[in-house]
N, C-alpha and C. Protein backbone atom coordinates (compact mmCIF):
# COMPACT_ATOMS: atom_id res chain seq x y z
N MET A 1 0.84 -1.17 0.00
CA MET A 1 0.00 0.00 0.00
C MET A 1 0.89 1.24 0.00
N ALA A 2 0.50 2.24 -0.75
CA ALA A 2 1.30 3.45 -0.88
C ALA A 2 1.24 4.35 0.34
N ILE A 3 0.16 4.29 1.09
CA ILE A 3 0.01 5.16 2.26
C ILE A 3 0.69 4.49 3.45
N GLN A 4 1.68 5.19 4.00
CA GLN A 4 2.40 4.71 5.18
C GLN A 4 2.38 5.81 6.22
N GLY A 5 1.93 5.51 7.43
CA GLY A 5 1.94 6.48 8.52
C GLY A 5 0.79 7.46 8.43
N PRO A 6 0.95 8.61 9.10
CA PRO A 6 -0.12 9.61 9.14
C PRO A 6 -0.51 10.09 7.74
N ILE A 7 -1.80 10.37 7.56
CA ILE A 7 -2.33 10.83 6.27
C ILE A 7 -2.48 12.34 6.32
N PRO A 8 -1.77 13.08 5.45
CA PRO A 8 -1.90 14.54 5.43
C PRO A 8 -3.34 14.96 5.08
N ILE A 9 -3.82 16.00 5.76
CA ILE A 9 -5.19 16.47 5.54
C ILE A 9 -5.25 17.96 5.86
N ASP A 10 -6.14 18.68 5.20
CA ASP A 10 -6.31 20.12 5.45
C ASP A 10 -7.24 20.37 6.63
N PHE A 11 -7.01 21.48 7.31
CA PHE A 11 -7.84 21.88 8.44
C PHE A 11 -9.32 21.87 8.07
N GLU A 12 -9.66 22.44 6.90
CA GLU A 12 -11.05 22.56 6.47
C GLU A 12 -11.72 21.20 6.27
N GLN A 13 -10.94 20.17 6.00
CA GLN A 13 -11.51 18.83 5.85
C GLN A 13 -11.86 18.22 7.20
N VAL A 14 -11.09 18.54 8.22
CA VAL A 14 -11.33 18.00 9.55
C VAL A 14 -12.39 18.82 10.28
N PHE A 15 -12.29 20.13 10.20
CA PHE A 15 -13.20 21.04 10.90
C PHE A 15 -13.81 22.04 9.91
N PRO A 16 -14.74 21.61 9.03
CA PRO A 16 -15.28 22.52 8.02
C PRO A 16 -16.04 23.72 8.61
N HIS A 17 -16.50 23.62 9.85
CA HIS A 17 -17.21 24.72 10.50
C HIS A 17 -16.34 25.42 11.53
N GLY A 18 -15.07 25.04 11.60
CA GLY A 18 -14.14 25.62 12.56
C GLY A 18 -14.13 24.84 13.86
N CYS A 19 -13.28 25.28 14.80
CA CYS A 19 -13.22 24.66 16.12
C CYS A 19 -12.73 25.69 17.13
N TYR A 20 -12.91 25.34 18.41
CA TYR A 20 -12.61 26.24 19.52
C TYR A 20 -11.82 25.51 20.60
N ILE A 21 -10.84 26.18 21.17
CA ILE A 21 -10.06 25.60 22.27
C ILE A 21 -10.95 25.54 23.51
N VAL A 22 -10.99 24.36 24.15
CA VAL A 22 -11.78 24.21 25.37
C VAL A 22 -10.95 23.59 26.49
N GLY A 23 -9.65 23.60 26.34
CA GLY A 23 -8.77 23.05 27.37
C GLY A 23 -7.40 23.70 27.29
N GLU A 24 -6.53 23.28 28.18
CA GLU A 24 -5.17 23.80 28.22
C GLU A 24 -4.27 22.98 27.30
N VAL A 25 -3.19 23.60 26.82
CA VAL A 25 -2.18 22.87 26.06
C VAL A 25 -1.32 22.13 27.08
N GLU A 26 -1.26 20.80 26.94
CA GLU A 26 -0.52 19.97 27.88
C GLU A 26 0.47 19.08 27.15
N GLN A 27 1.57 18.82 27.79
CA GLN A 27 2.55 17.91 27.23
C GLN A 27 2.05 16.47 27.43
N VAL A 28 2.18 15.65 26.40
CA VAL A 28 1.68 14.27 26.45
C VAL A 28 2.72 13.38 27.13
N LYS A 29 2.27 12.60 28.11
CA LYS A 29 3.17 11.68 28.80
C LYS A 29 3.31 10.38 28.02
N ASP A 30 4.49 9.81 28.05
CA ASP A 30 4.74 8.49 27.47
C ASP A 30 4.55 7.49 28.60
N PHE A 31 3.35 6.92 28.69
CA PHE A 31 3.03 6.03 29.81
C PHE A 31 3.83 4.75 29.78
N ASP A 32 4.25 4.28 28.61
CA ASP A 32 5.05 3.06 28.51
C ASP A 32 6.46 3.27 29.05
N ALA A 33 7.03 4.47 28.79
CA ALA A 33 8.41 4.74 29.21
C ALA A 33 8.49 5.27 30.65
N SER A 34 7.42 5.86 31.16
CA SER A 34 7.42 6.41 32.52
C SER A 34 7.31 5.28 33.54
N SER A 35 8.06 5.41 34.64
CA SER A 35 7.97 4.40 35.70
C SER A 35 8.51 4.94 37.02
N ASN A 36 8.10 4.31 38.12
CA ASN A 36 8.57 4.64 39.46
C ASN A 36 8.56 6.14 39.76
N GLY A 37 7.47 6.82 39.41
CA GLY A 37 7.36 8.25 39.68
C GLY A 37 8.17 9.13 38.75
N ARG A 38 8.86 8.54 37.79
CA ARG A 38 9.67 9.30 36.81
C ARG A 38 8.84 9.48 35.54
N THR A 39 8.51 10.72 35.21
CA THR A 39 7.68 11.01 34.05
C THR A 39 8.55 11.22 32.81
N ILE A 40 8.23 10.50 31.77
CA ILE A 40 8.87 10.67 30.46
C ILE A 40 7.80 11.21 29.52
N TYR A 41 8.15 12.24 28.76
CA TYR A 41 7.20 12.84 27.84
C TYR A 41 7.35 12.25 26.45
N ALA A 42 6.22 12.14 25.76
CA ALA A 42 6.17 11.52 24.43
C ALA A 42 6.88 12.36 23.39
N LYS A 43 7.51 11.65 22.46
CA LYS A 43 8.12 12.27 21.28
C LYS A 43 7.56 11.56 20.05
N ASP A 44 7.38 12.32 18.98
CA ASP A 44 6.90 11.73 17.74
C ASP A 44 7.91 10.74 17.20
N LYS A 45 7.45 9.56 16.80
CA LYS A 45 8.35 8.50 16.33
C LYS A 45 9.08 8.87 15.05
N THR A 46 8.46 9.70 14.21
CA THR A 46 9.08 10.06 12.93
C THR A 46 10.00 11.27 13.04
N THR A 47 9.51 12.35 13.70
CA THR A 47 10.26 13.61 13.72
C THR A 47 11.11 13.80 14.98
N GLY A 48 10.77 13.09 16.06
CA GLY A 48 11.47 13.28 17.33
C GLY A 48 11.01 14.50 18.10
N GLU A 49 10.02 15.23 17.56
CA GLU A 49 9.49 16.42 18.23
C GLU A 49 8.67 16.02 19.47
N LEU A 50 8.63 16.90 20.47
CA LEU A 50 7.78 16.68 21.62
C LEU A 50 6.32 16.71 21.17
N VAL A 51 5.45 15.99 21.89
CA VAL A 51 4.03 15.93 21.57
C VAL A 51 3.24 16.66 22.64
N TRP A 52 2.42 17.61 22.22
CA TRP A 52 1.56 18.40 23.08
C TRP A 52 0.13 18.09 22.68
N GLN A 53 -0.83 18.39 23.55
CA GLN A 53 -2.22 18.08 23.27
C GLN A 53 -3.12 19.20 23.75
N VAL A 54 -4.16 19.49 22.97
CA VAL A 54 -5.16 20.48 23.37
C VAL A 54 -6.54 19.95 22.98
N ALA A 55 -7.51 20.14 23.88
CA ALA A 55 -8.89 19.75 23.60
C ALA A 55 -9.56 20.88 22.82
N VAL A 56 -10.27 20.50 21.76
CA VAL A 56 -11.02 21.48 20.97
C VAL A 56 -12.45 20.99 20.78
N MET A 57 -13.35 21.94 20.59
CA MET A 57 -14.75 21.63 20.32
C MET A 57 -15.02 21.87 18.84
N ASP A 58 -15.54 20.86 18.17
CA ASP A 58 -15.91 20.95 16.76
C ASP A 58 -17.17 21.80 16.65
N ALA A 59 -17.15 22.82 15.79
CA ALA A 59 -18.29 23.73 15.65
C ALA A 59 -19.36 23.20 14.68
N ASP A 60 -19.16 22.01 14.13
CA ASP A 60 -20.13 21.44 13.20
C ASP A 60 -21.42 21.10 13.95
N PRO A 61 -22.56 21.71 13.59
CA PRO A 61 -23.81 21.45 14.30
C PRO A 61 -24.32 20.02 14.11
N ALA A 62 -23.85 19.32 13.10
CA ALA A 62 -24.32 17.96 12.83
C ALA A 62 -23.58 16.90 13.66
N VAL A 63 -22.49 17.28 14.31
CA VAL A 63 -21.71 16.33 15.10
C VAL A 63 -22.46 16.02 16.39
N LYS A 64 -22.52 14.73 16.75
CA LYS A 64 -23.19 14.32 18.00
C LYS A 64 -22.49 14.97 19.19
N ILE A 65 -23.27 15.28 20.21
CA ILE A 65 -22.74 15.95 21.40
C ILE A 65 -21.60 15.16 22.04
N THR A 66 -21.68 13.83 21.99
CA THR A 66 -20.63 13.00 22.59
C THR A 66 -19.34 13.01 21.78
N GLN A 67 -19.39 13.53 20.55
CA GLN A 67 -18.21 13.59 19.70
C GLN A 67 -17.75 15.02 19.45
N LYS A 68 -18.32 15.98 20.14
CA LYS A 68 -18.00 17.40 19.93
C LYS A 68 -16.57 17.75 20.33
N THR A 69 -16.06 17.16 21.42
CA THR A 69 -14.74 17.51 21.90
C THR A 69 -13.74 16.44 21.49
N VAL A 70 -12.66 16.88 20.84
CA VAL A 70 -11.60 15.97 20.41
C VAL A 70 -10.25 16.54 20.80
N ALA A 71 -9.27 15.69 20.89
CA ALA A 71 -7.91 16.13 21.21
C ALA A 71 -7.13 16.27 19.92
N VAL A 72 -6.39 17.36 19.82
CA VAL A 72 -5.47 17.56 18.70
C VAL A 72 -4.07 17.55 19.29
N LYS A 73 -3.22 16.67 18.76
CA LYS A 73 -1.83 16.60 19.22
C LYS A 73 -0.99 17.49 18.31
N ILE A 74 -0.12 18.27 18.94
CA ILE A 74 0.72 19.21 18.21
C ILE A 74 2.17 18.83 18.42
N LEU A 75 2.92 18.67 17.32
CA LEU A 75 4.33 18.33 17.38
C LEU A 75 5.13 19.63 17.38
N SER A 76 5.88 19.86 18.47
CA SER A 76 6.61 21.12 18.60
C SER A 76 7.72 20.96 19.64
N PRO A 77 8.88 21.60 19.41
CA PRO A 77 9.96 21.52 20.40
C PRO A 77 9.65 22.31 21.67
N VAL A 78 8.72 23.28 21.58
CA VAL A 78 8.32 24.08 22.75
C VAL A 78 6.80 24.09 22.84
N GLN A 79 6.27 24.42 24.03
CA GLN A 79 4.82 24.43 24.22
C GLN A 79 4.16 25.44 23.29
N PRO A 80 3.21 24.97 22.47
CA PRO A 80 2.48 25.88 21.59
C PRO A 80 1.63 26.86 22.41
N VAL A 81 1.52 28.07 21.90
CA VAL A 81 0.75 29.11 22.58
C VAL A 81 -0.56 29.32 21.82
N PRO A 82 -1.69 29.22 22.52
CA PRO A 82 -2.98 29.44 21.86
C PRO A 82 -3.10 30.87 21.33
N PRO A 83 -3.94 31.08 20.32
CA PRO A 83 -4.16 32.45 19.85
C PRO A 83 -4.84 33.27 20.94
N PRO A 84 -4.77 34.59 20.83
CA PRO A 84 -5.40 35.43 21.86
C PRO A 84 -6.92 35.30 21.80
N PRO A 85 -7.59 35.53 22.94
CA PRO A 85 -9.06 35.48 22.95
C PRO A 85 -9.66 36.55 22.05
N VAL A 86 -10.84 36.28 21.54
CA VAL A 86 -11.57 37.25 20.73
C VAL A 86 -12.56 37.96 21.66
N PRO A 87 -12.53 39.31 21.69
CA PRO A 87 -13.46 40.03 22.58
C PRO A 87 -14.91 39.61 22.33
N GLY A 88 -15.61 39.32 23.41
CA GLY A 88 -17.02 38.96 23.31
C GLY A 88 -17.28 37.47 23.15
N LEU A 89 -16.24 36.67 22.96
CA LEU A 89 -16.42 35.22 22.85
C LEU A 89 -15.89 34.53 24.09
N PRO A 90 -16.65 33.58 24.64
CA PRO A 90 -16.18 32.87 25.84
C PRO A 90 -15.18 31.75 25.54
N ILE A 91 -15.04 31.39 24.27
CA ILE A 91 -14.10 30.36 23.87
C ILE A 91 -13.23 30.90 22.74
N ILE A 92 -12.06 30.29 22.53
CA ILE A 92 -11.08 30.82 21.59
C ILE A 92 -11.12 30.03 20.27
N PRO A 93 -11.45 30.71 19.15
CA PRO A 93 -11.38 30.04 17.85
C PRO A 93 -9.92 29.75 17.50
N VAL A 94 -9.68 28.62 16.83
CA VAL A 94 -8.32 28.22 16.50
C VAL A 94 -8.32 27.45 15.18
N GLU A 95 -7.21 27.52 14.47
CA GLU A 95 -6.97 26.71 13.28
C GLU A 95 -5.62 26.04 13.45
N PHE A 96 -5.43 24.93 12.75
CA PHE A 96 -4.20 24.16 12.83
C PHE A 96 -3.55 24.04 11.46
N ASP A 97 -2.23 24.06 11.44
CA ASP A 97 -1.47 23.87 10.21
C ASP A 97 -0.73 22.53 10.27
N GLY A 98 -0.35 22.02 9.11
CA GLY A 98 0.42 20.79 9.04
C GLY A 98 -0.33 19.61 9.62
N MET A 99 -1.62 19.52 9.32
CA MET A 99 -2.45 18.47 9.92
C MET A 99 -2.30 17.12 9.25
N SER A 100 -2.50 16.08 10.07
CA SER A 100 -2.54 14.71 9.57
C SER A 100 -3.46 13.90 10.49
N ILE A 101 -3.96 12.80 9.96
CA ILE A 101 -4.77 11.90 10.77
C ILE A 101 -4.19 10.49 10.66
N THR A 102 -4.35 9.74 11.73
CA THR A 102 -3.94 8.34 11.74
C THR A 102 -5.14 7.52 12.22
N PRO A 103 -5.69 6.69 11.34
CA PRO A 103 -6.82 5.86 11.77
C PRO A 103 -6.35 4.72 12.67
N TYR A 104 -7.21 4.33 13.63
CA TYR A 104 -6.92 3.20 14.51
C TYR A 104 -8.25 2.64 15.02
N VAL A 105 -8.22 1.46 15.57
CA VAL A 105 -9.42 0.87 16.17
C VAL A 105 -9.37 1.14 17.67
N ALA A 106 -10.39 1.85 18.17
CA ALA A 106 -10.46 2.18 19.61
C ALA A 106 -10.69 0.90 20.40
N GLN A 107 -9.84 0.66 21.39
CA GLN A 107 -9.93 -0.56 22.20
C GLN A 107 -11.25 -0.64 22.97
N ALA A 108 -11.71 0.48 23.49
CA ALA A 108 -12.92 0.47 24.31
C ALA A 108 -14.18 0.13 23.52
N THR A 109 -14.25 0.57 22.26
CA THR A 109 -15.47 0.40 21.49
C THR A 109 -15.33 -0.57 20.31
N GLY A 110 -14.09 -0.81 19.89
CA GLY A 110 -13.87 -1.64 18.71
C GLY A 110 -14.21 -0.91 17.41
N ARG A 111 -14.42 0.40 17.49
CA ARG A 111 -14.79 1.20 16.32
C ARG A 111 -13.59 1.97 15.78
N LEU A 112 -13.69 2.34 14.52
CA LEU A 112 -12.66 3.13 13.87
C LEU A 112 -12.62 4.53 14.50
N ALA A 113 -11.44 5.01 14.82
CA ALA A 113 -11.25 6.35 15.38
C ALA A 113 -10.03 6.96 14.67
N TYR A 114 -9.78 8.24 14.94
CA TYR A 114 -8.68 8.94 14.30
C TYR A 114 -7.87 9.72 15.33
N SER A 115 -6.56 9.63 15.23
CA SER A 115 -5.68 10.48 15.99
C SER A 115 -5.38 11.69 15.10
N ILE A 116 -5.63 12.89 15.62
CA ILE A 116 -5.44 14.12 14.84
C ILE A 116 -4.17 14.80 15.31
N ARG A 117 -3.29 15.10 14.36
CA ARG A 117 -2.03 15.78 14.68
C ARG A 117 -1.88 17.03 13.84
N ALA A 118 -1.06 17.95 14.35
CA ALA A 118 -0.76 19.20 13.64
C ALA A 118 0.66 19.62 14.00
N THR A 119 1.19 20.56 13.24
CA THR A 119 2.52 21.08 13.54
C THR A 119 2.47 22.48 14.14
N ALA A 120 1.29 23.13 14.07
CA ALA A 120 1.15 24.49 14.62
C ALA A 120 -0.32 24.82 14.81
N MET A 121 -0.59 25.75 15.73
CA MET A 121 -1.94 26.30 15.87
C MET A 121 -1.85 27.80 15.79
N ARG A 122 -2.95 28.41 15.34
CA ARG A 122 -2.96 29.87 15.14
C ARG A 122 -4.40 30.37 15.17
N ALA A 123 -4.53 31.69 15.18
CA ALA A 123 -5.86 32.31 15.08
C ALA A 123 -6.40 32.04 13.68
N PRO A 124 -7.72 31.92 13.54
CA PRO A 124 -8.30 31.72 12.20
C PRO A 124 -7.95 32.87 11.28
N ARG A 125 -7.80 32.54 10.01
CA ARG A 125 -7.53 33.58 9.01
C ARG A 125 -8.77 34.45 8.90
N THR A 126 -8.58 35.75 8.82
CA THR A 126 -9.71 36.66 8.68
C THR A 126 -10.07 36.82 7.22
N GLY A 127 -11.34 37.02 6.97
CA GLY A 127 -11.80 37.25 5.60
C GLY A 127 -12.02 35.98 4.81
N ALA A 128 -11.60 34.84 5.34
CA ALA A 128 -11.80 33.59 4.62
C ALA A 128 -12.69 32.69 5.45
N ALA A 129 -13.93 32.56 5.03
CA ALA A 129 -14.86 31.69 5.76
C ALA A 129 -14.53 30.24 5.47
N PRO A 130 -14.75 29.37 6.45
CA PRO A 130 -14.50 27.95 6.20
C PRO A 130 -15.38 27.43 5.08
N ALA A 131 -14.85 26.51 4.30
CA ALA A 131 -15.61 25.90 3.22
C ALA A 131 -16.73 25.07 3.83
N LYS A 132 -17.95 25.30 3.39
CA LYS A 132 -19.09 24.54 3.91
C LYS A 132 -19.74 23.82 2.74
N HIS A 133 -20.14 22.62 2.97
CA HIS A 133 -20.75 21.81 1.93
C HIS A 133 -22.21 21.60 2.28
N THR A 134 -23.10 21.99 1.37
CA THR A 134 -24.53 21.81 1.60
C THR A 134 -25.13 21.03 0.45
N VAL A 135 -26.24 20.41 0.72
CA VAL A 135 -26.96 19.68 -0.32
C VAL A 135 -28.31 20.35 -0.51
N THR A 136 -28.63 20.70 -1.75
CA THR A 136 -29.88 21.37 -2.06
C THR A 136 -30.62 20.57 -3.13
N ALA A 137 -31.84 20.18 -2.83
CA ALA A 137 -32.69 19.47 -3.76
C ALA A 137 -31.98 18.30 -4.43
N GLY A 138 -31.20 17.56 -3.64
CA GLY A 138 -30.54 16.37 -4.17
C GLY A 138 -29.29 16.64 -4.96
N LYS A 139 -28.90 17.91 -5.10
CA LYS A 139 -27.69 18.25 -5.83
C LYS A 139 -26.71 18.89 -4.89
N ASP A 140 -25.42 18.60 -5.09
CA ASP A 140 -24.38 19.20 -4.25
C ASP A 140 -24.19 20.65 -4.63
N ALA A 141 -23.97 21.47 -3.60
CA ALA A 141 -23.65 22.88 -3.82
C ALA A 141 -22.55 23.25 -2.84
N ALA A 142 -21.57 24.01 -3.27
CA ALA A 142 -20.47 24.40 -2.39
C ALA A 142 -20.75 25.73 -1.77
């Protein structure tokens, strides 16, 4: 098979309606390597970069409530800094660059799931609305 490892994907494909930060940026622990009270932090197997994680809420109204919040892992040598808050909003809009997904079977459910990774996070671009896909009268419209 030609596809090996994470599959590159655009932000708009993962979050067509955007997303919002709902948690803190945290360094991911390597639970297999950590022992006896000694914490080892995860590094990406391919790049060697440290792995950080932030919880985000998917703004897609069609997503089930139980699937609204997902973790995005960010590969970076230093802790990524979230974009500044937007006045009047209680949550922070965010976009990710250098995104990829890795499909896996979730042990708890036996269902297909995706690990979402990025190389950077930033404030959403202004003036460019996210691409939205709608269906009208049985025909696709962009």
